[in-house]
Protein backbone atom coordinates (compact mmCIF):
# COMPACT_ATOMS: atom_id res chain seq x y z
CA MET A 1 -0.03 -0.05 -0.03
CA SER A 2 2.61 2.25 0.73
CA LEU A 3 3.97 1.88 -2.90
CA ILE A 4 0.52 3.41 -4.31
CA ARG A 5 0.57 6.29 -1.73
CA LEU A 6 4.28 7.04 -2.93
CA ILE A 7 3.10 7.13 -6.69
CA LEU A 8 -0.03 9.06 -5.57
CA ASN A 9 1.84 11.62 -3.70
CA ILE A 10 4.39 11.91 -6.65
CA ALA A 11 1.47 12.31 -8.98
CA TRP A 12 -0.32 14.89 -6.59
CA ILE A 13 2.78 17.43 -7.01
CA LEU A 14 2.00 17.65 -10.48
CA CYS A 15 -1.69 17.97 -9.90
CA GLY A 16 -1.65 21.24 -8.01
CA GLY A 17 0.26 20.00 -4.63
CA LEU A 18 3.39 21.81 -5.14
CA VAL A 19 1.42 25.53 -6.05
CA MET A 20 -0.77 24.81 -3.20
CA ALA A 21 2.00 24.19 -1.08
CA ILE A 22 3.89 26.97 -1.70
CA ALA A 23 0.54 28.96 -1.31
CA TRP A 24 0.20 27.92 2.07
CA ALA A 25 3.95 28.27 2.67
CA LEU A 26 3.80 32.17 1.29
CA ILE A 27 0.55 32.72 3.76
CA GLY A 28 2.25 31.33 6.55
CA VAL A 29 5.43 34.02 5.78
CA ILE A 30 2.95 36.91 5.69
CA ALA A 31 1.35 35.80 8.89
CA CYS A 32 4.74 35.65 10.50
CA ILE A 33 4.84 39.36 9.89
CA THR A 34 2.74 40.19 12.78
CA ILE A 35 3.14 38.86 16.48
CA VAL A 36 -0.67 38.18 16.52
CA GLY A 37 -0.18 36.13 13.36
CA ILE A 38 2.38 33.62 14.32
CA PRO A 39 -0.05 30.61 15.44
CA PHE A 40 -1.59 31.09 12.28
CA ALA A 41 1.91 30.72 10.56
CA ARG A 42 2.46 27.33 12.55
CA SER A 43 -0.69 26.12 11.36
CA CYS A 44 0.28 27.14 7.43
CA PHE A 45 3.58 25.52 7.47
CA VAL A 46 2.28 22.36 9.13
CA ILE A 47 -0.81 22.29 6.50
CA ALA A 48 1.79 23.20 3.45
CA GLN A 49 3.72 20.20 4.44
CA LEU A 50 0.26 17.81 4.43
CA THR A 51 -0.54 19.91 0.85
CA LEU A 52 2.76 18.56 -0.11
CA TRP A 53 2.46 15.33 0.43
CA PRO A 54 -1.15 14.34 1.40
CA PHE A 55 -1.72 10.54 0.59
CA GLY A 56 -1.46 8.57 3.85
CA LYS A 57 -2.52 11.59 6.04
CA ASP A 58 -5.91 12.97 7.37
CA ILE A 59 -7.39 15.75 9.57
CA GLU A 60 -9.11 15.25 12.51
CA HIS A 61 -10.58 17.30 15.22
CA ARG A 62 -7.78 18.19 17.81
CA GLU A 63 -10.34 17.31 20.33
CA ARG A 64 -11.01 13.74 19.31
CA VAL A 65 -7.38 13.17 19.06
CA THR A 66 -6.28 14.66 22.52
CA ARG A 67 -9.43 13.74 24.31
CA SER A 68 -8.87 17.20 25.84
CA HIS A 69 -10.21 20.71 25.24
CA ASP A 70 -7.75 23.42 24.57
CA ILE A 71 -7.79 27.02 23.11
CA GLY A 72 -8.24 26.09 19.69
CA THR A 73 -11.03 24.03 20.30
CA GLY A 74 -13.24 26.26 22.14
CA SER A 75 -15.14 29.36 21.35
CA LEU A 76 -11.73 31.24 20.99
CA GLY A 77 -10.95 28.80 18.28
CA THR A 78 -13.97 29.64 16.50
CA ILE A 79 -13.60 33.23 16.62
CA GLY A 80 -9.91 32.45 14.93
CA ASN A 81 -11.43 30.70 12.35
CA VAL A 82 -13.72 33.55 11.51
CA VAL A 83 -10.34 35.83 11.39
CA TRP A 84 -8.69 33.14 9.65
CA PHE A 85 -11.45 32.75 7.03
CA LEU A 86 -11.54 36.63 6.24
CA LEU A 87 -8.05 37.10 6.16
CA PHE A 88 -6.58 33.93 3.91
CA GLY A 89 -8.85 30.95 4.10
CA VAL A 90 -11.37 32.11 1.49
CA TRP A 91 -8.36 32.59 -0.89
CA LEU A 92 -6.93 29.21 -0.32
CA ALA A 93 -10.09 27.69 -0.41
CA ILE A 94 -10.51 29.18 -4.04
CA GLY A 95 -7.42 27.86 -4.82
CA HIS A 96 -7.95 24.25 -3.78
CA ILE A 97 -11.56 24.40 -5.44
CA PHE A 98 -9.90 25.71 -9.05
CA HIS A 99 -7.32 22.50 -8.78
CA ALA A 100 -10.33 20.23 -7.66
CA VAL A 101 -12.31 21.33 -10.67
CA ALA A 102 -9.07 21.08 -13.24
CA CYS A 103 -8.39 17.54 -11.68
CA PHE A 104 -11.75 15.94 -11.99
CA VAL A 105 -11.83 16.87 -15.56
CA THR A 106 -9.88 13.04 -16.17
CA ILE A 107 -10.85 10.22 -14.41
CA ILE A 108 -7.26 9.73 -13.24
CA GLY A 109 -7.37 13.21 -11.51
CA ILE A 110 -10.44 12.32 -9.36
CA PRO A 111 -8.62 11.09 -6.31
CA PHE A 112 -6.44 14.74 -6.24
CA GLY A 113 -9.45 16.57 -6.91
CA ILE A 114 -11.18 14.69 -3.44
CA GLN A 115 -7.66 15.90 -1.97
CA HIS A 116 -8.52 18.96 -3.02
CA LEU A 117 -11.71 19.56 -1.58
CA LYS A 118 -10.82 17.95 1.71
CA LEU A 119 -7.73 20.66 1.75
CA ALA A 120 -10.33 23.43 0.90
CA MET A 121 -12.61 22.49 3.83
CA LEU A 122 -9.41 22.67 5.95
CA SER A 123 -8.50 25.83 4.44
CA ILE A 124 -12.31 27.27 5.42
CA ALA A 125 -11.49 26.48 9.60
CA PRO A 126 -8.09 25.12 10.43
CA ILE A 127 -7.75 26.03 13.82
CA GLY A 128 -8.49 23.06 16.05
CA ARG A 129 -7.95 20.80 13.76
CA THR A 130 -4.62 18.28 13.73
CA VAL A 131 -3.05 16.15 10.77
CA VAL A 132 -2.93 12.36 11.46
CA ASP A 133 -1.43 9.23 9.96
CA LEU A 134 -3.76 6.75 8.59
CA ASP A 135 -1.34 3.86 9.48
């Protein structure tokens, strides 16, 4: 199964993965300009890594993984997600949706389009989420 994931991840890079990973990293650099944006930037860099190599990983609510509440899973996390969406999330979601539509044109591109849609959903509200391995 890992060989299939490797092949999918390499093909993913050509199907918009590299472009969107660079976009996530660029947003992370922009978020680092202010002290308030540093937590957003850290998330951007983690998601950029996920965007570069997504097969074999999934996104879960942090509360389900850690089985405890924290600042990102409560009401402050919701406020942070609203701020995130208004500043950066909408643009990243549009980028992922654009790539998803382009991938859905071919049958081979369907798994890549699905990954782009998952990442578009993550780009709308990333606070309170975490990346986990499927294995």
